[in-house]
Amino acid sequence: QPVRLVENVQRLVPGGQPQLLHLPV
C-alpha cells in the first residue's frame, strides 16, 4: 500500500472561511 503525501491543509478559523495552506506551516 503506497504512502500518501499530505501537501495542502486548511486552517479552521472560528466564524470564518477556512484558509488553504501549503506545508510547512
mmCIF file of all heavy atoms, coordinates in Angstrom:
data_MODEL
# 
_entry.id   MODEL 
# 
loop_
_atom_site.group_PDB 
_atom_site.id 
_atom_site.type_symbol 
_atom_site.label_atom_id 
_atom_site.label_alt_id 
_atom_site.label_comp_id 
_atom_site.label_asym_id 
_atom_site.label_entity_id 
_atom_site.label_seq_id 
_atom_site.pdbx_PDB_ins_code 
_atom_site.Cartn_x 
_atom_site.Cartn_y 
_atom_site.Cartn_z 
_atom_site.occupancy 
_atom_site.B_iso_or_equiv 
_atom_site.pdbx_formal_charge 
_atom_site.auth_seq_id 
_atom_site.auth_comp_id 
_atom_site.auth_asym_id 
_atom_site.auth_atom_id 
_atom_site.pdbx_PDB_model_num 
ATOM 1   N N   . GLN A 1 1  ? 0.848   -1.190 0.000  1.00 0.00 ? 1  GLN A N   1 
ATOM 2   C CA  . GLN A 1 1  ? 0.000   0.000  0.000  1.00 0.00 ? 1  GLN A CA  1 
ATOM 3   C C   . GLN A 1 1  ? 0.883   1.240  0.000  1.00 0.00 ? 1  GLN A C   1 
ATOM 4   O O   . GLN A 1 1  ? 1.810   1.354  0.814  1.00 0.00 ? 1  GLN A O   1 
ATOM 5   C CB  . GLN A 1 1  ? -0.898  -0.011 1.243  1.00 0.00 ? 1  GLN A CB  1 
ATOM 6   C CG  . GLN A 1 1  ? -1.827  1.185  1.297  1.00 0.00 ? 1  GLN A CG  1 
ATOM 7   C CD  . GLN A 1 1  ? -2.782  1.118  2.465  1.00 0.00 ? 1  GLN A CD  1 
ATOM 8   O OE1 . GLN A 1 1  ? -3.877  1.618  2.385  1.00 0.00 ? 1  GLN A OE1 1 
ATOM 9   N NE2 . GLN A 1 1  ? -2.390  0.486  3.552  1.00 0.00 ? 1  GLN A NE2 1 
ATOM 10  N N   . PRO A 1 2  ? 0.656   2.173  -0.921 1.00 0.00 ? 2  PRO A N   1 
ATOM 11  C CA  . PRO A 1 2  ? 1.557   3.319  -1.036 1.00 0.00 ? 2  PRO A CA  1 
ATOM 12  C C   . PRO A 1 2  ? 1.418   4.269  0.149  1.00 0.00 ? 2  PRO A C   1 
ATOM 13  O O   . PRO A 1 2  ? 0.380   4.332  0.804  1.00 0.00 ? 2  PRO A O   1 
ATOM 14  C CB  . PRO A 1 2  ? 1.100   3.991  -2.329 1.00 0.00 ? 2  PRO A CB  1 
ATOM 15  C CG  . PRO A 1 2  ? -0.336  3.613  -2.461 1.00 0.00 ? 2  PRO A CG  1 
ATOM 16  C CD  . PRO A 1 2  ? -0.432  2.211  -1.914 1.00 0.00 ? 2  PRO A CD  1 
ATOM 17  N N   . VAL A 1 3  ? 2.482   5.007  0.381  1.00 0.00 ? 3  VAL A N   1 
ATOM 18  C CA  . VAL A 1 3  ? 2.475   6.070  1.382  1.00 0.00 ? 3  VAL A CA  1 
ATOM 19  C C   . VAL A 1 3  ? 1.946   7.328  0.703  1.00 0.00 ? 3  VAL A C   1 
ATOM 20  O O   . VAL A 1 3  ? 2.380   7.690  -0.396 1.00 0.00 ? 3  VAL A O   1 
ATOM 21  C CB  . VAL A 1 3  ? 3.889   6.313  1.930  1.00 0.00 ? 3  VAL A CB  1 
ATOM 22  C CG1 . VAL A 1 3  ? 3.911   7.538  2.832  1.00 0.00 ? 3  VAL A CG1 1 
ATOM 23  C CG2 . VAL A 1 3  ? 4.386   5.097  2.683  1.00 0.00 ? 3  VAL A CG2 1 
ATOM 24  N N   . ARG A 1 4  ? 0.968   7.979  1.347  1.00 0.00 ? 4  ARG A N   1 
ATOM 25  C CA  . ARG A 1 4  ? 0.372   9.184  0.784  1.00 0.00 ? 4  ARG A CA  1 
ATOM 26  C C   . ARG A 1 4  ? 1.034   10.419 1.398  1.00 0.00 ? 4  ARG A C   1 
ATOM 27  O O   . ARG A 1 4  ? 1.249   10.474 2.613  1.00 0.00 ? 4  ARG A O   1 
ATOM 28  C CB  . ARG A 1 4  ? -1.134  9.211  1.069  1.00 0.00 ? 4  ARG A CB  1 
ATOM 29  C CG  . ARG A 1 4  ? -1.887  7.995  0.556  1.00 0.00 ? 4  ARG A CG  1 
ATOM 30  C CD  . ARG A 1 4  ? -1.929  7.959  -0.949 1.00 0.00 ? 4  ARG A CD  1 
ATOM 31  N NE  . ARG A 1 4  ? -2.707  6.817  -1.429 1.00 0.00 ? 4  ARG A NE  1 
ATOM 32  C CZ  . ARG A 1 4  ? -2.945  6.585  -2.711 1.00 0.00 ? 4  ARG A CZ  1 
ATOM 33  N NH1 . ARG A 1 4  ? -2.472  7.384  -3.632 1.00 0.00 ? 4  ARG A NH1 1 
ATOM 34  N NH2 . ARG A 1 4  ? -3.666  5.525  -3.072 1.00 0.00 ? 4  ARG A NH2 1 
ATOM 35  N N   . LEU A 1 5  ? 1.330   11.375 0.540  1.00 0.00 ? 5  LEU A N   1 
ATOM 36  C CA  . LEU A 1 5  ? 1.965   12.605 0.975  1.00 0.00 ? 5  LEU A CA  1 
ATOM 37  C C   . LEU A 1 5  ? 0.912   13.698 1.112  1.00 0.00 ? 5  LEU A C   1 
ATOM 38  O O   . LEU A 1 5  ? 0.164   13.969 0.172  1.00 0.00 ? 5  LEU A O   1 
ATOM 39  C CB  . LEU A 1 5  ? 3.029   13.032 -0.032 1.00 0.00 ? 5  LEU A CB  1 
ATOM 40  C CG  . LEU A 1 5  ? 3.848   14.275 0.290  1.00 0.00 ? 5  LEU A CG  1 
ATOM 41  C CD1 . LEU A 1 5  ? 4.707   14.042 1.517  1.00 0.00 ? 5  LEU A CD1 1 
ATOM 42  C CD2 . LEU A 1 5  ? 4.718   14.647 -0.902 1.00 0.00 ? 5  LEU A CD2 1 
ATOM 43  N N   . VAL A 1 6  ? 0.844   14.319 2.276  1.00 0.00 ? 6  VAL A N   1 
ATOM 44  C CA  . VAL A 1 6  ? -0.080  15.427 2.510  1.00 0.00 ? 6  VAL A CA  1 
ATOM 45  C C   . VAL A 1 6  ? 0.676   16.725 2.270  1.00 0.00 ? 6  VAL A C   1 
ATOM 46  O O   . VAL A 1 6  ? 1.685   16.994 2.920  1.00 0.00 ? 6  VAL A O   1 
ATOM 47  C CB  . VAL A 1 6  ? -0.643  15.392 3.943  1.00 0.00 ? 6  VAL A CB  1 
ATOM 48  C CG1 . VAL A 1 6  ? -1.565  16.586 4.177  1.00 0.00 ? 6  VAL A CG1 1 
ATOM 49  C CG2 . VAL A 1 6  ? -1.384  14.092 4.187  1.00 0.00 ? 6  VAL A CG2 1 
ATOM 50  N N   . GLU A 1 7  ? 0.194   17.518 1.318  1.00 0.00 ? 7  GLU A N   1 
ATOM 51  C CA  . GLU A 1 7  ? 0.899   18.748 0.959  1.00 0.00 ? 7  GLU A CA  1 
ATOM 52  C C   . GLU A 1 7  ? 0.116   20.003 1.324  1.00 0.00 ? 7  GLU A C   1 
ATOM 53  O O   . GLU A 1 7  ? 0.694   21.009 1.698  1.00 0.00 ? 7  GLU A O   1 
ATOM 54  C CB  . GLU A 1 7  ? 1.187   18.755 -0.548 1.00 0.00 ? 7  GLU A CB  1 
ATOM 55  C CG  . GLU A 1 7  ? 2.114   17.628 -0.992 1.00 0.00 ? 7  GLU A CG  1 
ATOM 56  C CD  . GLU A 1 7  ? 2.284   17.599 -2.502 1.00 0.00 ? 7  GLU A CD  1 
ATOM 57  O OE1 . GLU A 1 7  ? 1.268   17.366 -3.183 1.00 0.00 ? 7  GLU A OE1 1 
ATOM 58  O OE2 . GLU A 1 7  ? 3.398   17.824 -2.969 1.00 0.00 ? 7  GLU A OE2 1 
ATOM 59  N N   . ASN A 1 8  ? -1.215  19.940 1.184  1.00 0.00 ? 8  ASN A N   1 
ATOM 60  C CA  . ASN A 1 8  ? -2.051  21.112 1.455  1.00 0.00 ? 8  ASN A CA  1 
ATOM 61  C C   . ASN A 1 8  ? -3.016  20.822 2.598  1.00 0.00 ? 8  ASN A C   1 
ATOM 62  O O   . ASN A 1 8  ? -3.550  19.715 2.698  1.00 0.00 ? 8  ASN A O   1 
ATOM 63  C CB  . ASN A 1 8  ? -2.844  21.508 0.207  1.00 0.00 ? 8  ASN A CB  1 
ATOM 64  C CG  . ASN A 1 8  ? -1.932  21.908 -0.939 1.00 0.00 ? 8  ASN A CG  1 
ATOM 65  O OD1 . ASN A 1 8  ? -1.007  22.685 -0.760 1.00 0.00 ? 8  ASN A OD1 1 
ATOM 66  N ND2 . ASN A 1 8  ? -2.176  21.349 -2.125 1.00 0.00 ? 8  ASN A ND2 1 
ATOM 67  N N   . VAL A 1 9  ? -3.211  21.808 3.451  1.00 0.00 ? 9  VAL A N   1 
ATOM 68  C CA  . VAL A 1 9  ? -4.132  21.682 4.575  1.00 0.00 ? 9  VAL A CA  1 
ATOM 69  C C   . VAL A 1 9  ? -4.991  22.952 4.630  1.00 0.00 ? 9  VAL A C   1 
ATOM 70  O O   . VAL A 1 9  ? -4.707  23.947 3.942  1.00 0.00 ? 9  VAL A O   1 
ATOM 71  C CB  . VAL A 1 9  ? -3.384  21.490 5.908  1.00 0.00 ? 9  VAL A CB  1 
ATOM 72  C CG1 . VAL A 1 9  ? -2.585  20.202 5.904  1.00 0.00 ? 9  VAL A CG1 1 
ATOM 73  C CG2 . VAL A 1 9  ? -2.471  22.681 6.191  1.00 0.00 ? 9  VAL A CG2 1 
ATOM 74  N N   . GLN A 1 10 ? -6.031  22.915 5.465  1.00 0.00 ? 10 GLN A N   1 
ATOM 75  C CA  . GLN A 1 10 ? -6.875  24.085 5.683  1.00 0.00 ? 10 GLN A CA  1 
ATOM 76  C C   . GLN A 1 10 ? -6.751  24.529 7.131  1.00 0.00 ? 10 GLN A C   1 
ATOM 77  O O   . GLN A 1 10 ? -6.752  23.699 8.045  1.00 0.00 ? 10 GLN A O   1 
ATOM 78  C CB  . GLN A 1 10 ? -8.343  23.764 5.378  1.00 0.00 ? 10 GLN A CB  1 
ATOM 79  C CG  . GLN A 1 10 ? -8.645  23.553 3.912  1.00 0.00 ? 10 GLN A CG  1 
ATOM 80  C CD  . GLN A 1 10 ? -10.114 23.288 3.671  1.00 0.00 ? 10 GLN A CD  1 
ATOM 81  O OE1 . GLN A 1 10 ? -10.778 22.641 4.494  1.00 0.00 ? 10 GLN A OE1 1 
ATOM 82  N NE2 . GLN A 1 10 ? -10.642 23.767 2.558  1.00 0.00 ? 10 GLN A NE2 1 
ATOM 83  N N   . ARG A 1 11 ? -6.646  25.837 7.325  1.00 0.00 ? 11 ARG A N   1 
ATOM 84  C CA  . ARG A 1 11 ? -6.701  26.368 8.679  1.00 0.00 ? 11 ARG A CA  1 
ATOM 85  C C   . ARG A 1 11 ? -8.168  26.683 8.994  1.00 0.00 ? 11 ARG A C   1 
ATOM 86  O O   . ARG A 1 11 ? -8.834  27.413 8.249  1.00 0.00 ? 11 ARG A O   1 
ATOM 87  C CB  . ARG A 1 11 ? -5.865  27.634 8.824  1.00 0.00 ? 11 ARG A CB  1 
ATOM 88  C CG  . ARG A 1 11 ? -5.948  28.189 10.247 1.00 0.00 ? 11 ARG A CG  1 
ATOM 89  C CD  . ARG A 1 11 ? -5.192  29.480 10.433 1.00 0.00 ? 11 ARG A CD  1 
ATOM 90  N NE  . ARG A 1 11 ? -5.307  29.936 11.819 1.00 0.00 ? 11 ARG A NE  1 
ATOM 91  C CZ  . ARG A 1 11 ? -4.805  31.069 12.278 1.00 0.00 ? 11 ARG A CZ  1 
ATOM 92  N NH1 . ARG A 1 11 ? -4.142  31.874 11.458 1.00 0.00 ? 11 ARG A NH1 1 
ATOM 93  N NH2 . ARG A 1 11 ? -4.954  31.410 13.543 1.00 0.00 ? 11 ARG A NH2 1 
ATOM 94  N N   . LEU A 1 12 ? -8.645  26.101 10.094 1.00 0.00 ? 12 LEU A N   1 
ATOM 95  C CA  . LEU A 1 12 ? -10.030 26.325 10.505 1.00 0.00 ? 12 LEU A CA  1 
ATOM 96  C C   . LEU A 1 12 ? -10.092 27.579 11.350 1.00 0.00 ? 12 LEU A C   1 
ATOM 97  O O   . LEU A 1 12 ? -9.489  27.654 12.429 1.00 0.00 ? 12 LEU A O   1 
ATOM 98  C CB  . LEU A 1 12 ? -10.556 25.125 11.288 1.00 0.00 ? 12 LEU A CB  1 
ATOM 99  C CG  . LEU A 1 12 ? -10.499 23.770 10.543 1.00 0.00 ? 12 LEU A CG  1 
ATOM 100 C CD1 . LEU A 1 12 ? -11.101 22.670 11.405 1.00 0.00 ? 12 LEU A CD1 1 
ATOM 101 C CD2 . LEU A 1 12 ? -11.204 23.850 9.196  1.00 0.00 ? 12 LEU A CD2 1 
ATOM 102 N N   . VAL A 1 13 ? -10.827 28.566 10.854 1.00 0.00 ? 13 VAL A N   1 
ATOM 103 C CA  . VAL A 1 13 ? -10.946 29.848 11.537 1.00 0.00 ? 13 VAL A CA  1 
ATOM 104 C C   . VAL A 1 13 ? -12.351 29.948 12.121 1.00 0.00 ? 13 VAL A C   1 
ATOM 105 O O   . VAL A 1 13 ? -13.340 29.880 11.378 1.00 0.00 ? 13 VAL A O   1 
ATOM 106 C CB  . VAL A 1 13 ? -10.697 31.019 10.572 1.00 0.00 ? 13 VAL A CB  1 
ATOM 107 C CG1 . VAL A 1 13 ? -10.824 32.348 11.305 1.00 0.00 ? 13 VAL A CG1 1 
ATOM 108 C CG2 . VAL A 1 13 ? -9.341  30.880 9.902  1.00 0.00 ? 13 VAL A CG2 1 
ATOM 109 N N   . PRO A 1 14 ? -12.469 30.082 13.456 1.00 0.00 ? 14 PRO A N   1 
ATOM 110 C CA  . PRO A 1 14 ? -13.812 30.181 14.057 1.00 0.00 ? 14 PRO A CA  1 
ATOM 111 C C   . PRO A 1 14 ? -14.611 31.336 13.449 1.00 0.00 ? 14 PRO A C   1 
ATOM 112 O O   . PRO A 1 14 ? -14.157 32.483 13.426 1.00 0.00 ? 14 PRO A O   1 
ATOM 113 C CB  . PRO A 1 14 ? -13.527 30.418 15.544 1.00 0.00 ? 14 PRO A CB  1 
ATOM 114 C CG  . PRO A 1 14 ? -12.150 29.889 15.750 1.00 0.00 ? 14 PRO A CG  1 
ATOM 115 C CD  . PRO A 1 14 ? -11.413 30.130 14.474 1.00 0.00 ? 14 PRO A CD  1 
ATOM 116 N N   . GLY A 1 15 ? -15.798 30.994 12.954 1.00 0.00 ? 15 GLY A N   1 
ATOM 117 C CA  . GLY A 1 15 ? -16.683 32.025 12.403 1.00 0.00 ? 15 GLY A CA  1 
ATOM 118 C C   . GLY A 1 15 ? -16.225 32.562 11.066 1.00 0.00 ? 15 GLY A C   1 
ATOM 119 O O   . GLY A 1 15 ? -16.726 33.598 10.616 1.00 0.00 ? 15 GLY A O   1 
ATOM 120 N N   . GLY A 1 16 ? -15.290 31.923 10.416 1.00 0.00 ? 16 GLY A N   1 
ATOM 121 C CA  . GLY A 1 16 ? -14.812 32.415 9.127  1.00 0.00 ? 16 GLY A CA  1 
ATOM 122 C C   . GLY A 1 16 ? -14.581 31.288 8.147  1.00 0.00 ? 16 GLY A C   1 
ATOM 123 O O   . GLY A 1 16 ? -14.772 30.110 8.467  1.00 0.00 ? 16 GLY A O   1 
ATOM 124 N N   . GLN A 1 17 ? -14.138 31.642 6.946  1.00 0.00 ? 17 GLN A N   1 
ATOM 125 C CA  . GLN A 1 17 ? -13.873 30.658 5.917  1.00 0.00 ? 17 GLN A CA  1 
ATOM 126 C C   . GLN A 1 17 ? -12.510 29.989 6.147  1.00 0.00 ? 17 GLN A C   1 
ATOM 127 O O   . GLN A 1 17 ? -11.555 30.662 6.547  1.00 0.00 ? 17 GLN A O   1 
ATOM 128 C CB  . GLN A 1 17 ? -13.886 31.319 4.537  1.00 0.00 ? 17 GLN A CB  1 
ATOM 129 C CG  . GLN A 1 17 ? -15.258 31.808 4.088  1.00 0.00 ? 17 GLN A CG  1 
ATOM 130 C CD  . GLN A 1 17 ? -16.222 30.659 3.882  1.00 0.00 ? 17 GLN A CD  1 
ATOM 131 O OE1 . GLN A 1 17 ? -15.858 29.587 3.405  1.00 0.00 ? 17 GLN A OE1 1 
ATOM 132 N NE2 . GLN A 1 17 ? -17.473 30.880 4.286  1.00 0.00 ? 17 GLN A NE2 1 
ATOM 133 N N   . PRO A 1 18 ? -12.425 28.678 5.925  1.00 0.00 ? 18 PRO A N   1 
ATOM 134 C CA  . PRO A 1 18 ? -11.126 28.005 6.056  1.00 0.00 ? 18 PRO A CA  1 
ATOM 135 C C   . PRO A 1 18 ? -10.100 28.622 5.101  1.00 0.00 ? 18 PRO A C   1 
ATOM 136 O O   . PRO A 1 18 ? -10.432 29.036 3.988  1.00 0.00 ? 18 PRO A O   1 
ATOM 137 C CB  . PRO A 1 18 ? -11.435 26.554 5.684  1.00 0.00 ? 18 PRO A CB  1 
ATOM 138 C CG  . PRO A 1 18 ? -12.913 26.408 5.898  1.00 0.00 ? 18 PRO A CG  1 
ATOM 139 C CD  . PRO A 1 18 ? -13.509 27.742 5.558  1.00 0.00 ? 18 PRO A CD  1 
ATOM 140 N N   . GLN A 1 19 ? -8.857  28.652 5.558  1.00 0.00 ? 19 GLN A N   1 
ATOM 141 C CA  . GLN A 1 19 ? -7.762  29.184 4.750  1.00 0.00 ? 19 GLN A CA  1 
ATOM 142 C C   . GLN A 1 19 ? -6.900  28.034 4.237  1.00 0.00 ? 19 GLN A C   1 
ATOM 143 O O   . GLN A 1 19 ? -6.485  27.175 5.010  1.00 0.00 ? 19 GLN A O   1 
ATOM 144 C CB  . GLN A 1 19 ? -6.898  30.134 5.583  1.00 0.00 ? 19 GLN A CB  1 
ATOM 145 C CG  . GLN A 1 19 ? -7.624  31.342 6.122  1.00 0.00 ? 19 GLN A CG  1 
ATOM 146 C CD  . GLN A 1 19 ? -6.737  32.172 7.038  1.00 0.00 ? 19 GLN A CD  1 
ATOM 147 O OE1 . GLN A 1 19 ? -5.599  31.806 7.329  1.00 0.00 ? 19 GLN A OE1 1 
ATOM 148 N NE2 . GLN A 1 19 ? -7.268  33.303 7.488  1.00 0.00 ? 19 GLN A NE2 1 
ATOM 149 N N   . LEU A 1 20 ? -6.653  28.027 2.926  1.00 0.00 ? 20 LEU A N   1 
ATOM 150 C CA  . LEU A 1 20 ? -5.825  26.975 2.333  1.00 0.00 ? 20 LEU A CA  1 
ATOM 151 C C   . LEU A 1 20 ? -4.346  27.297 2.585  1.00 0.00 ? 20 LEU A C   1 
ATOM 152 O O   . LEU A 1 20 ? -3.877  28.394 2.288  1.00 0.00 ? 20 LEU A O   1 
ATOM 153 C CB  . LEU A 1 20 ? -6.094  26.879 0.828  1.00 0.00 ? 20 LEU A CB  1 
ATOM 154 C CG  . LEU A 1 20 ? -5.370  25.738 0.100  1.00 0.00 ? 20 LEU A CG  1 
ATOM 155 C CD1 . LEU A 1 20 ? -5.859  24.384 0.625  1.00 0.00 ? 20 LEU A CD1 1 
ATOM 156 C CD2 . LEU A 1 20 ? -5.591  25.837 -1.411 1.00 0.00 ? 20 LEU A CD2 1 
ATOM 157 N N   . LEU A 1 21 ? -3.612  26.323 3.137  1.00 0.00 ? 21 LEU A N   1 
ATOM 158 C CA  . LEU A 1 21 ? -2.189  26.497 3.449  1.00 0.00 ? 21 LEU A CA  1 
ATOM 159 C C   . LEU A 1 21 ? -1.381  25.376 2.816  1.00 0.00 ? 21 LEU A C   1 
ATOM 160 O O   . LEU A 1 21 ? -1.877  24.267 2.611  1.00 0.00 ? 21 LEU A O   1 
ATOM 161 C CB  . LEU A 1 21 ? -1.963  26.497 4.965  1.00 0.00 ? 21 LEU A CB  1 
ATOM 162 C CG  . LEU A 1 21 ? -2.705  27.559 5.776  1.00 0.00 ? 21 LEU A CG  1 
ATOM 163 C CD1 . LEU A 1 21 ? -2.468  27.319 7.266  1.00 0.00 ? 21 LEU A CD1 1 
ATOM 164 C CD2 . LEU A 1 21 ? -2.252  28.956 5.390  1.00 0.00 ? 21 LEU A CD2 1 
ATOM 165 N N   . HIS A 1 22 ? -0.140  25.661 2.529  1.00 0.00 ? 22 HIS A N   1 
ATOM 166 C CA  . HIS A 1 22 ? 0.779   24.661 1.969  1.00 0.00 ? 22 HIS A CA  1 
ATOM 167 C C   . HIS A 1 22 ? 1.866   24.372 3.003  1.00 0.00 ? 22 HIS A C   1 
ATOM 168 O O   . HIS A 1 22 ? 2.451   25.293 3.578  1.00 0.00 ? 22 HIS A O   1 
ATOM 169 C CB  . HIS A 1 22 ? 1.412   25.182 0.672  1.00 0.00 ? 22 HIS A CB  1 
ATOM 170 C CG  . HIS A 1 22 ? 2.246   24.160 -0.037 1.00 0.00 ? 22 HIS A CG  1 
ATOM 171 N ND1 . HIS A 1 22 ? 1.690   23.162 -0.813 1.00 0.00 ? 22 HIS A ND1 1 
ATOM 172 C CD2 . HIS A 1 22 ? 3.582   23.975 -0.083 1.00 0.00 ? 22 HIS A CD2 1 
ATOM 173 C CE1 . HIS A 1 22 ? 2.658   22.415 -1.305 1.00 0.00 ? 22 HIS A CE1 1 
ATOM 174 N NE2 . HIS A 1 22 ? 3.817   22.888 -0.877 1.00 0.00 ? 22 HIS A NE2 1 
ATOM 175 N N   . LEU A 1 23 ? 2.109   23.113 3.272  1.00 0.00 ? 23 LEU A N   1 
ATOM 176 C CA  . LEU A 1 23 ? 3.132   22.730 4.254  1.00 0.00 ? 23 LEU A CA  1 
ATOM 177 C C   . LEU A 1 23 ? 4.526   23.054 3.721  1.00 0.00 ? 23 LEU A C   1 
ATOM 178 O O   . LEU A 1 23 ? 4.766   22.933 2.524  1.00 0.00 ? 23 LEU A O   1 
ATOM 179 C CB  . LEU A 1 23 ? 3.016   21.239 4.568  1.00 0.00 ? 23 LEU A CB  1 
ATOM 180 C CG  . LEU A 1 23 ? 1.756   20.812 5.313  1.00 0.00 ? 23 LEU A CG  1 
ATOM 181 C CD1 . LEU A 1 23 ? 1.731   19.294 5.462  1.00 0.00 ? 23 LEU A CD1 1 
ATOM 182 C CD2 . LEU A 1 23 ? 1.674   21.461 6.680  1.00 0.00 ? 23 LEU A CD2 1 
ATOM 183 N N   . PRO A 1 24 ? 5.462   23.419 4.588  1.00 0.00 ? 24 PRO A N   1 
ATOM 184 C CA  . PRO A 1 24 ? 5.336   23.544 6.040  1.00 0.00 ? 24 PRO A CA  1 
ATOM 185 C C   . PRO A 1 24 ? 4.577   24.799 6.452  1.00 0.00 ? 24 PRO A C   1 
ATOM 186 O O   . PRO A 1 24 ? 4.549   25.789 5.720  1.00 0.00 ? 24 PRO A O   1 
ATOM 187 C CB  . PRO A 1 24 ? 6.785   23.600 6.515  1.00 0.00 ? 24 PRO A CB  1 
ATOM 188 C CG  . PRO A 1 24 ? 7.525   24.201 5.368  1.00 0.00 ? 24 PRO A CG  1 
ATOM 189 C CD  . PRO A 1 24 ? 6.848   23.698 4.131  1.00 0.00 ? 24 PRO A CD  1 
ATOM 190 N N   . VAL A 1 25 ? 3.971   24.732 7.651  1.00 0.00 ? 25 VAL A N   1 
ATOM 191 C CA  . VAL A 1 25 ? 3.157   25.817 8.176  1.00 0.00 ? 25 VAL A CA  1 
ATOM 192 C C   . VAL A 1 25 ? 3.808   26.348 9.445  1.00 0.00 ? 25 VAL A C   1 
ATOM 193 O O   . VAL A 1 25 ? 4.175   25.566 10.337 1.00 0.00 ? 25 VAL A O   1 
ATOM 194 C CB  . VAL A 1 25 ? 1.725   25.331 8.472  1.00 0.00 ? 25 VAL A CB  1 
ATOM 195 C CG1 . VAL A 1 25 ? 0.948   26.404 9.225  1.00 0.00 ? 25 VAL A CG1 1 
ATOM 196 C CG2 . VAL A 1 25 ? 0.999   24.974 7.182  1.00 0.00 ? 25 VAL A CG2 1 
# 
